[in-house]
Each structure stands twice: as C-alpha cells, then as structure tokens.
C-alpha cells in the first residue's frame, strides 16, 4: 500500500513523492529543479529514483 501512495505522489507531485521516500537530499533538489523546468522530466526522475534505482 505504501508503494502505491508513493507512485501516485510521484506522478501527481513529483518532488513530494521523492521527499516522502528519501527526505530532503540531493535527489529531492534535482527533482524539484526538473519539475520546475518542465513537469515530465520531474515525473520520470521521481519514478526512476523511487522504484528503479
């Protein structure tokens, strides 16, 4: 159930999804910048960081 919530957050609000799994670290800041530049790279990065790495 926890992974489902993280996935939903990662798709809807990518920085919050990364923050929920990793806290405020390098991955959070990278994701925040990517999301502010353009939304889709932020989503891709959030899913990668939370589930594929």
Protein backbone atom coordinates (compact mmCIF):
# COMPACT_ATOMS: atom_id res chain seq x y z
CA UNK A 1 0.00 0.00 0.00
CA UNK A 2 2.86 2.37 0.76
CA UNK A 3 4.39 1.91 -2.69
CA UNK A 4 1.07 2.76 -4.31
CA UNK A 5 0.89 6.05 -2.42
CA UNK A 6 4.50 6.88 -3.35
CA UNK A 7 3.72 6.09 -7.01
CA UNK A 8 0.65 8.32 -7.02
CA UNK A 9 2.60 11.16 -5.41
CA UNK A 10 5.47 10.65 -7.86
CA UNK A 11 3.12 11.07 -10.82
CA UNK A 12 0.96 13.90 -9.48
CA UNK A 13 3.50 15.90 -7.44
CA UNK A 14 6.98 14.52 -8.19
CA UNK A 15 9.01 16.42 -5.53
CA UNK A 16 6.62 15.26 -2.81
CA UNK A 17 6.98 11.66 -3.94
CA UNK A 18 10.77 11.89 -3.73
CA UNK A 19 10.55 13.75 -0.42
CA UNK A 20 8.33 11.04 1.08
CA UNK A 21 10.78 8.28 0.18
CA UNK A 22 14.20 9.98 0.55
CA UNK A 23 13.75 13.15 2.59
CA UNK A 24 15.44 16.42 1.70
CA UNK A 25 18.60 15.27 -0.05
CA UNK A 26 20.28 15.65 -3.42
CA UNK A 27 17.57 13.67 -5.25
CA UNK A 28 14.85 15.95 -3.90
CA UNK A 29 16.58 19.09 -5.12
CA UNK A 30 17.31 17.61 -8.54
CA UNK A 31 13.69 16.57 -8.86
CA UNK A 32 12.43 19.97 -7.77
CA UNK A 33 14.54 21.71 -10.41
CA UNK A 34 13.45 19.26 -13.12
CA UNK A 35 9.80 19.70 -12.17
CA UNK A 36 10.06 23.48 -12.20
CA UNK A 37 11.72 23.47 -15.63
CA UNK A 38 9.20 21.07 -17.14
CA UNK A 39 6.83 18.65 -15.45
CA UNK A 40 7.51 15.43 -17.41
CA UNK A 41 11.26 15.14 -16.59
CA UNK A 42 10.33 15.55 -12.91
CA UNK A 43 7.88 12.65 -13.14
CA UNK A 44 10.39 10.44 -14.94
CA UNK A 45 13.09 11.23 -12.38
CA UNK A 46 10.74 10.62 -9.44
CA UNK A 47 9.69 7.20 -10.74
CA UNK A 48 13.31 6.31 -11.50
CA UNK A 49 14.61 7.36 -8.08
CA UNK A 50 11.78 5.76 -6.12
CA UNK A 51 11.36 2.47 -7.95
CA UNK A 52 14.15 1.67 -10.40
CA UNK A 53 17.27 2.66 -8.50
